[in-house]
Amino acid sequence: MAFHHALDLFVQSSDYEGTPNVVLEAMALETPVVATDVGGTRELCEDGVHGRIVPSGDADVLAAAIEPLVEDAARRA
């Protein structure tokens, strides 16, 4: 738990997932989430509500979702 509390942002960049427990853990500990749209991630985390969901396999799109959150603490909240 201490690990998640030390994070400003949790990023899951997987190409494959089942039900990503780590996303559930991040959400439960109120750590902002950016995750790829694989497995059951979209069912857990609604894009723009609980975090950001991006297509897998596109590092530029992932970086574009991360950058504004890294730069703006109010957005992360």
PDB file of N, CA and C in Angstrom:
ATOM      1  N   MET A   1       0.809  -1.197   0.000  1.00  0.00           N
ATOM      2  CA  MET A   1       0.000   0.000   0.000  1.00  0.00           C
ATOM      3  C   MET A   1       0.855   1.265   0.000  1.00  0.00           C
ATOM      4  N   ALA A   2       1.933   1.240   0.733  1.00  0.00           N
ATOM      5  CA  ALA A   2       2.785   2.428   0.786  1.00  0.00           C
ATOM      6  C   ALA A   2       3.293   2.797  -0.606  1.00  0.00           C
ATOM      7  N   PHE A   3       3.529   1.786  -1.431  1.00  0.00           N
ATOM      8  CA  PHE A   3       3.993   2.039  -2.790  1.00  0.00           C
ATOM      9  C   PHE A   3       2.994   2.891  -3.557  1.00  0.00           C
ATOM     10  N   HIS A   4       1.715   2.505  -3.534  1.00  0.00           N
ATOM     11  CA  HIS A   4       0.703   3.253  -4.277  1.00  0.00           C
ATOM     12  C   HIS A   4       0.537   4.670  -3.726  1.00  0.00           C
ATOM     13  N   HIS A   5       0.656   4.833  -2.428  1.00  0.00           N
ATOM     14  CA  HIS A   5       0.519   6.173  -1.853  1.00  0.00           C
ATOM     15  C   HIS A   5       1.678   7.076  -2.250  1.00  0.00           C
ATOM     16  N   ALA A   6       2.787   6.490  -2.665  1.00  0.00           N
ATOM     17  CA  ALA A   6       3.931   7.279  -3.101  1.00  0.00           C
ATOM     18  C   ALA A   6       3.821   7.694  -4.574  1.00  0.00           C
ATOM     19  N   LEU A   7       2.887   7.113  -5.302  1.00  0.00           N
ATOM     20  CA  LEU A   7       2.749   7.387  -6.726  1.00  0.00           C
ATOM     21  C   LEU A   7       1.883   8.621  -6.987  1.00  0.00           C
ATOM     22  N   ASP A   8       2.276   9.392  -7.989  1.00  0.00           N
ATOM     23  CA  ASP A   8       1.424  10.469  -8.478  1.00  0.00           C
ATOM     24  C   ASP A   8       0.470   9.945  -9.542  1.00  0.00           C
ATOM     25  N   LEU A   9       0.862   8.852 -10.203  1.00  0.00           N
ATOM     26  CA  LEU A   9       0.104   8.315 -11.322  1.00  0.00           C
ATOM     27  C   LEU A   9       0.481   6.853 -11.512  1.00  0.00           C
ATOM     28  N   PHE A  10      -0.502   5.999 -11.805  1.00  0.00           N
ATOM     29  CA  PHE A  10      -0.236   4.600 -12.128  1.00  0.00           C
ATOM     30  C   PHE A  10      -0.490   4.405 -13.618  1.00  0.00           C
ATOM     31  N   VAL A  11       0.476   3.819 -14.324  1.00  0.00           N
ATOM     32  CA  VAL A  11       0.348   3.562 -15.750  1.00  0.00           C
ATOM     33  C   VAL A  11       0.480   2.068 -16.005  1.00  0.00           C
ATOM     34  N   GLN A  12      -0.515   1.518 -16.677  1.00  0.00           N
ATOM     35  CA  GLN A  12      -0.463   0.126 -17.123  1.00  0.00           C
ATOM     36  C   GLN A  12      -0.381   0.154 -18.646  1.00  0.00           C
ATOM     37  N   SER A  13       0.726  -0.320 -19.191  1.00  0.00           N
ATOM     38  CA  SER A  13       0.934  -0.243 -20.633  1.00  0.00           C
ATOM     39  C   SER A  13       0.878  -1.615 -21.300  1.00  0.00           C
ATOM     40  N   SER A  14       0.129  -2.527 -20.727  1.00  0.00           N
ATOM     41  CA  SER A  14       0.084  -3.911 -21.204  1.00  0.00           C
ATOM     42  C   SER A  14      -0.502  -4.045 -22.598  1.00  0.00           C
ATOM     43  N   ASP A  15      -0.016  -5.052 -23.312  1.00  0.00           N
ATOM     44  CA  ASP A  15      -0.619  -5.451 -24.581  1.00  0.00           C
ATOM     45  C   ASP A  15      -1.653  -6.547 -24.354  1.00  0.00           C
ATOM     46  N   TYR A  16      -1.587  -7.209 -23.200  1.00  0.00           N
ATOM     47  CA  TYR A  16      -2.511  -8.288 -22.868  1.00  0.00           C
ATOM     48  C   TYR A  16      -2.769  -8.279 -21.371  1.00  0.00           C
ATOM     49  N   GLU A  17      -4.007  -8.423 -20.981  1.00  0.00           N
ATOM     50  CA  GLU A  17      -4.400  -8.537 -19.576  1.00  0.00           C
ATOM     51  C   GLU A  17      -5.655  -9.383 -19.501  1.00  0.00           C
ATOM     52  N   GLY A  18      -5.877  -9.976 -18.368  1.00  0.00           N
ATOM     53  CA  GLY A  18      -7.168 -10.574 -18.076  1.00  0.00           C
ATOM     54  C   GLY A  18      -7.963  -9.491 -17.358  1.00  0.00           C
ATOM     55  N   THR A  19      -8.221  -9.702 -16.090  1.00  0.00           N
ATOM     56  CA  THR A  19      -8.781  -8.651 -15.241  1.00  0.00           C
ATOM     57  C   THR A  19      -7.603  -8.099 -14.449  1.00  0.00           C
ATOM     58  N   PRO A  20      -7.192  -6.888 -14.714  1.00  0.00           N
ATOM     59  CA  PRO A  20      -5.976  -6.352 -14.103  1.00  0.00           C
ATOM     60  C   PRO A  20      -6.199  -5.919 -12.651  1.00  0.00           C
ATOM     61  N   ASN A  21      -5.851  -6.797 -11.727  1.00  0.00           N
ATOM     62  CA  ASN A  21      -6.011  -6.481 -10.308  1.00  0.00           C
ATOM     63  C   ASN A  21      -5.245  -5.239  -9.907  1.00  0.00           C
ATOM     64  N   VAL A  22      -4.116  -4.988 -10.543  1.00  0.00           N
ATOM     65  CA  VAL A  22      -3.310  -3.826 -10.184  1.00  0.00           C
ATOM     66  C   VAL A  22      -4.067  -2.524 -10.477  1.00  0.00           C
ATOM     67  N   VAL A  23      -4.903  -2.517 -11.520  1.00  0.00           N
ATOM     68  CA  VAL A  23      -5.734  -1.336 -11.800  1.00  0.00           C
ATOM     69  C   VAL A  23      -6.775  -1.177 -10.696  1.00  0.00           C
ATOM     70  N   LEU A  24      -7.375  -2.270 -10.279  1.00  0.00           N
ATOM     71  CA  LEU A  24      -8.337  -2.219  -9.164  1.00  0.00           C
ATOM     72  C   LEU A  24      -7.671  -1.687  -7.898  1.00  0.00           C
ATOM     73  N   GLU A  25      -6.465  -2.161  -7.627  1.00  0.00           N
ATOM     74  CA  GLU A  25      -5.737  -1.705  -6.437  1.00  0.00           C
ATOM     75  C   GLU A  25      -5.436  -0.213  -6.518  1.00  0.00           C
ATOM     76  N   ALA A  26      -4.990   0.243  -7.669  1.00  0.00           N
ATOM     77  CA  ALA A  26      -4.698   1.673  -7.839  1.00  0.00           C
ATOM     78  C   ALA A  26      -5.957   2.503  -7.624  1.00  0.00           C
ATOM     79  N   MET A  27      -7.068   2.050  -8.202  1.00  0.00           N
ATOM     80  CA  MET A  27      -8.323   2.789  -8.047  1.00  0.00           C
ATOM     81  C   MET A  27      -8.776   2.782  -6.592  1.00  0.00           C
ATOM     82  N   ALA A  28      -8.656   1.651  -5.914  1.00  0.00           N
ATOM     83  CA  ALA A  28      -9.075   1.557  -4.511  1.00  0.00           C
ATOM     84  C   ALA A  28      -8.269   2.494  -3.626  1.00  0.00           C
ATOM     85  N   LEU A  29      -7.003   2.702  -3.995  1.00  0.00           N
ATOM     86  CA  LEU A  29      -6.142   3.584  -3.217  1.00  0.00           C
ATOM     87  C   LEU A  29      -6.102   5.006  -3.759  1.00  0.00           C
ATOM     88  N   GLU A  30      -7.027   5.298  -4.689  1.00  0.00           N
ATOM     89  CA  GLU A  30      -7.203   6.631  -5.258  1.00  0.00           C
ATOM     90  C   GLU A  30      -5.954   7.151  -5.966  1.00  0.00           C
ATOM     91  N   THR A  31      -5.231   6.234  -6.617  1.00  0.00           N
ATOM     92  CA  THR A  31      -4.096   6.606  -7.443  1.00  0.00           C
ATOM     93  C   THR A  31      -4.610   6.806  -8.862  1.00  0.00           C
ATOM     94  N   PRO A  32      -4.369   7.954  -9.481  1.00  0.00           N
ATOM     95  CA  PRO A  32      -4.836   8.169 -10.849  1.00  0.00           C
ATOM     96  C   PRO A  32      -4.289   7.091 -11.791  1.00  0.00           C
ATOM     97  N   VAL A  33      -5.119   6.679 -12.753  1.00  0.00           N
ATOM     98  CA  VAL A  33      -4.786   5.556 -13.638  1.00  0.00           C
ATOM     99  C   VAL A  33      -4.791   5.990 -15.103  1.00  0.00           C
ATOM    100  N   VAL A  34      -3.760   5.569 -15.831  1.00  0.00           N
ATOM    101  CA  VAL A  34      -3.748   5.584 -17.295  1.00  0.00           C
ATOM    102  C   VAL A  34      -3.455   4.148 -17.685  1.00  0.00           C
ATOM    103  N   ALA A  35      -4.336   3.545 -18.486  1.00  0.00           N
ATOM    104  CA  ALA A  35      -4.172   2.136 -18.816  1.00  0.00           C
ATOM    105  C   ALA A  35      -4.559   1.869 -20.265  1.00  0.00           C
ATOM    106  N   THR A  36      -3.977   0.814 -20.810  1.00  0.00           N
ATOM    107  CA  THR A  36      -4.314   0.410 -22.164  1.00  0.00           C
ATOM    108  C   THR A  36      -5.624  -0.368 -22.164  1.00  0.00           C
ATOM    109  N   ASP A  37      -6.322  -0.296 -23.266  1.00  0.00           N
ATOM    110  CA  ASP A  37      -7.637  -0.919 -23.421  1.00  0.00           C
ATOM    111  C   ASP A  37      -7.481  -2.392 -23.801  1.00  0.00           C
ATOM    112  N   VAL A  38      -7.063  -3.180 -22.827  1.00  0.00           N
ATOM    113  CA  VAL A  38      -6.879  -4.613 -23.031  1.00  0.00           C
ATOM    114  C   VAL A  38      -7.606  -5.376 -21.931  1.00  0.00           C
ATOM    115  N   GLY A  39      -7.987  -6.616 -22.258  1.00  0.00           N
ATOM    116  CA  GLY A  39      -8.653  -7.447 -21.275  1.00  0.00           C
ATOM    117  C   GLY A  39      -9.877  -6.762 -20.709  1.00  0.00           C
ATOM    118  N   GLY A  40     -10.018  -6.803 -19.408  1.00  0.00           N
ATOM    119  CA  GLY A  40     -11.177  -6.220 -18.751  1.00  0.00           C
ATOM    120  C   GLY A  40     -10.950  -4.825 -18.216  1.00  0.00           C
ATOM    121  N   THR A  41      -9.889  -4.168 -18.655  1.00  0.00           N
ATOM    122  CA  THR A  41      -9.558  -2.851 -18.103  1.00  0.00           C
ATOM    123  C   THR A  41     -10.687  -1.845 -18.289  1.00  0.00           C
ATOM    124  N   ARG A  42     -11.280  -1.792 -19.469  1.00  0.00           N
ATOM    125  CA  ARG A  42     -12.347  -0.820 -19.727  1.00  0.00           C
ATOM    126  C   ARG A  42     -13.565  -1.069 -18.828  1.00  0.00           C
ATOM    127  N   GLU A  43     -13.806  -2.310 -18.455  1.00  0.00           N
ATOM    128  CA  GLU A  43     -14.938  -2.604 -17.577  1.00  0.00           C
ATOM    129  C   GLU A  43     -14.691  -2.106 -16.154  1.00  0.00           C
ATOM    130  N   LEU A  44     -13.429  -1.968 -15.784  1.00  0.00           N
ATOM    131  CA  LEU A  44     -13.074  -1.513 -14.439  1.00  0.00           C
ATOM    132  C   LEU A  44     -12.946  -0.001 -14.344  1.00  0.00           C
ATOM    133  N   CYS A  45     -12.420   0.591 -15.375  1.00  0.00           N
ATOM    134  CA  CYS A  45     -12.042   1.997 -15.343  1.00  0.00           C
ATOM    135  C   CYS A  45     -12.651   2.708 -16.546  1.00  0.00           C
ATOM    136  N   GLU A  46     -13.634   3.539 -16.308  1.00  0.00           N
ATOM    137  CA  GLU A  46     -14.280   4.268 -17.395  1.00  0.00           C
ATOM    138  C   GLU A  46     -13.427   5.472 -17.796  1.00  0.00           C
ATOM    139  N   ASP A  47     -13.117   5.547 -19.089  1.00  0.00           N
ATOM    140  CA  ASP A  47     -12.267   6.619 -19.593  1.00  0.00           C
ATOM    141  C   ASP A  47     -12.859   7.987 -19.281  1.00  0.00           C
ATOM    142  N   GLY A  48     -12.037   8.839 -18.688  1.00  0.00           N
ATOM    143  CA  GLY A  48     -12.461  10.194 -18.365  1.00  0.00           C
ATOM    144  C   GLY A  48     -13.208  10.311 -17.048  1.00  0.00           C
ATOM    145  N   VAL A  49     -13.563   9.183 -16.459  1.00  0.00           N
ATOM    146  CA  VAL A  49     -14.265   9.198 -15.173  1.00  0.00           C
ATOM    147  C   VAL A  49     -13.346   8.685 -14.066  1.00  0.00           C
ATOM    148  N   HIS A  50     -12.855   7.469 -14.236  1.00  0.00           N
ATOM    149  CA  HIS A  50     -11.992   6.844 -13.234  1.00  0.00           C
ATOM    150  C   HIS A  50     -10.521   6.919 -13.611  1.00  0.00           C
ATOM    151  N   GLY A  51     -10.255   7.317 -14.825  1.00  0.00           N
ATOM    152  CA  GLY A  51      -8.883   7.382 -15.330  1.00  0.00           C
ATOM    153  C   GLY A  51      -8.906   7.583 -16.826  1.00  0.00           C
ATOM    154  N   ARG A  52      -7.791   7.292 -17.463  1.00  0.00           N
ATOM    155  CA  ARG A  52      -7.693   7.389 -18.917  1.00  0.00           C
ATOM    156  C   ARG A  52      -7.437   6.007 -19.474  1.00  0.00           C
ATOM    157  N   ILE A  53      -8.160   5.644 -20.524  1.00  0.00           N
ATOM    158  CA  ILE A  53      -7.987   4.376 -21.214  1.00  0.00           C
ATOM    159  C   ILE A  53      -7.558   4.702 -22.642  1.00  0.00           C
ATOM    160  N   VAL A  54      -6.465   4.086 -23.078  1.00  0.00           N
ATOM    161  CA  VAL A  54      -5.931   4.347 -24.416  1.00  0.00           C
ATOM    162  C   VAL A  54      -5.740   3.030 -25.158  1.00  0.00           C
ATOM    163  N   PRO A  55      -5.704   3.071 -26.483  1.00  0.00           N
ATOM    164  CA  PRO A  55      -5.466   1.847 -27.255  1.00  0.00           C
ATOM    165  C   PRO A  55      -4.083   1.267 -26.931  1.00  0.00           C
ATOM    166  N   SER A  56      -3.979  -0.048 -26.971  1.00  0.00           N
ATOM    167  CA  SER A  56      -2.670  -0.667 -26.746  1.00  0.00           C
ATOM    168  C   SER A  56      -1.825  -0.560 -28.009  1.00  0.00           C
ATOM    169  N   GLY A  57      -0.519  -0.638 -27.833  1.00  0.00           N
ATOM    170  CA  GLY A  57       0.388  -0.667 -28.967  1.00  0.00           C
ATOM    171  C   GLY A  57       0.744   0.677 -29.563  1.00  0.00           C
ATOM    172  N   ASP A  58       0.325   1.771 -28.946  1.00  0.00           N
ATOM    173  CA  ASP A  58       0.633   3.093 -29.486  1.00  0.00           C
ATOM    174  C   ASP A  58       1.265   3.951 -28.386  1.00  0.00           C
ATOM    175  N   ALA A  59       2.592   3.951 -28.366  1.00  0.00           N
ATOM    176  CA  ALA A  59       3.316   4.665 -27.313  1.00  0.00           C
ATOM    177  C   ALA A  59       3.058   6.165 -27.347  1.00  0.00           C
ATOM    178  N   ASP A  60       2.838   6.731 -28.527  1.00  0.00           N
ATOM    179  CA  ASP A  60       2.582   8.169 -28.626  1.00  0.00           C
ATOM    180  C   ASP A  60       1.260   8.547 -27.967  1.00  0.00           C
ATOM    181  N   VAL A  61       0.233   7.729 -28.167  1.00  0.00           N
ATOM    182  CA  VAL A  61      -1.074   7.991 -27.547  1.00  0.00           C
ATOM    183  C   VAL A  61      -0.975   7.813 -26.032  1.00  0.00           C
ATOM    184  N   LEU A  62      -0.246   6.802 -25.603  1.00  0.00           N
ATOM    185  CA  LEU A  62      -0.051   6.586 -24.166  1.00  0.00           C
ATOM    186  C   LEU A  62       0.658   7.789 -23.545  1.00  0.00           C
ATOM    187  N   ALA A  63       1.727   8.244 -24.186  1.00  0.00           N
ATOM    188  CA  ALA A  63       2.465   9.408 -23.678  1.00  0.00           C
ATOM    189  C   ALA A  63       1.591  10.657 -23.653  1.00  0.00           C
ATOM    190  N   ALA A  64       0.760  10.828 -24.671  1.00  0.00           N
ATOM    191  CA  ALA A  64      -0.137  11.993 -24.719  1.00  0.00           C
ATOM    192  C   ALA A  64      -1.163  11.964 -23.600  1.00  0.00           C
ATOM    193  N   ALA A  65      -1.560  10.778 -23.149  1.00  0.00           N
ATOM    194  CA  ALA A  65      -2.500  10.675 -22.027  1.00  0.00           C
ATOM    195  C   ALA A  65      -1.800  10.922 -20.695  1.00  0.00           C
ATOM    196  N   ILE A  66      -0.544  10.538 -20.610  1.00  0.00           N
ATOM    197  CA  ILE A  66       0.223  10.689 -19.363  1.00  0.00           C
ATOM    198  C   ILE A  66       0.656  12.135 -19.144  1.00  0.00           C
ATOM    199  N   GLU A  67       1.139  12.787 -20.186  1.00  0.00           N
ATOM    200  CA  GLU A  67       1.771  14.108 -20.052  1.00  0.00           C
ATOM    201  C   GLU A  67       0.927  15.148 -19.318  1.00  0.00           C
ATOM    202  N   PRO A  68      -0.340  15.365 -19.681  1.00  0.00           N
ATOM    203  CA  PRO A  68      -1.092  16.399 -18.961  1.00  0.00           C
ATOM    204  C   PRO A  68      -1.323  16.052 -17.492  1.00  0.00           C
ATOM    205  N   LEU A  69      -1.352  14.778 -17.177  1.00  0.00           N
ATOM    206  CA  LEU A  69      -1.552  14.384 -15.785  1.00  0.00           C
ATOM    207  C   LEU A  69      -0.290  14.571 -14.962  1.00  0.00           C
ATOM    208  N   VAL A  70       0.854  14.348 -15.573  1.00  0.00           N
ATOM    209  CA  VAL A  70       2.120  14.569 -14.883  1.00  0.00           C
ATOM    210  C   VAL A  70       2.317  16.054 -14.611  1.00  0.00           C
ATOM    211  N   GLU A  71       1.899  16.878 -15.549  1.00  0.00           N
ATOM    212  CA  GLU A  71       2.132  18.325 -15.453  1.00  0.00           C
ATOM    213  C   GLU A  71       1.111  19.060 -14.584  1.00  0.00           C
ATOM    214  N   ASP A  72      -0.029  18.435 -14.278  1.00  0.00           N
ATOM    215  CA  ASP A  72      -1.107  19.164 -13.600  1.00  0.00           C
ATOM    216  C   ASP A  72      -1.727  18.329 -12.473  1.00  0.00           C
ATOM    217  N   ALA A  73      -1.361  18.655 -11.250  1.00  0.00           N
ATOM    218  CA  ALA A  73      -1.857  17.912 -10.086  1.00  0.00           C
ATOM    219  C   ALA A  73      -3.378  17.994  -9.953  1.00  0.00           C
ATOM    220  N   ALA A  74      -3.946  19.116 -10.341  1.00  0.00           N
ATOM    221  CA  ALA A  74      -5.406  19.253 -10.251  1.00  0.00           C
ATOM    222  C   ALA A  74      -6.100  18.266 -11.181  1.00  0.00           C
ATOM    223  N   ARG A  75      -5.547  18.038 -12.358  1.00  0.00           N
ATOM    224  CA  ARG A  75      -6.111  17.056 -13.290  1.00  0.00           C
ATOM    225  C   ARG A  75      -6.018  15.642 -12.724  1.00  0.00           C
ATOM    226  N   ARG A  76      -4.916  15.342 -12.058  1.00  0.00           N
ATOM    227  CA  ARG A  76      -4.772  14.008 -11.465  1.00  0.00           C
ATOM    228  C   ARG A  76      -5.826  13.767 -10.404  1.00  0.00           C
ATOM    229  N   ALA A  77      -6.168  14.803  -9.698  1.00  0.00           N
ATOM    230  CA  ALA A  77      -7.163  14.651  -8.629  1.00  0.00           C
ATOM    231  C   ALA A  77      -8.520  14.359  -9.221  1.00  0.00           C
TER     232      ALA A  77
END
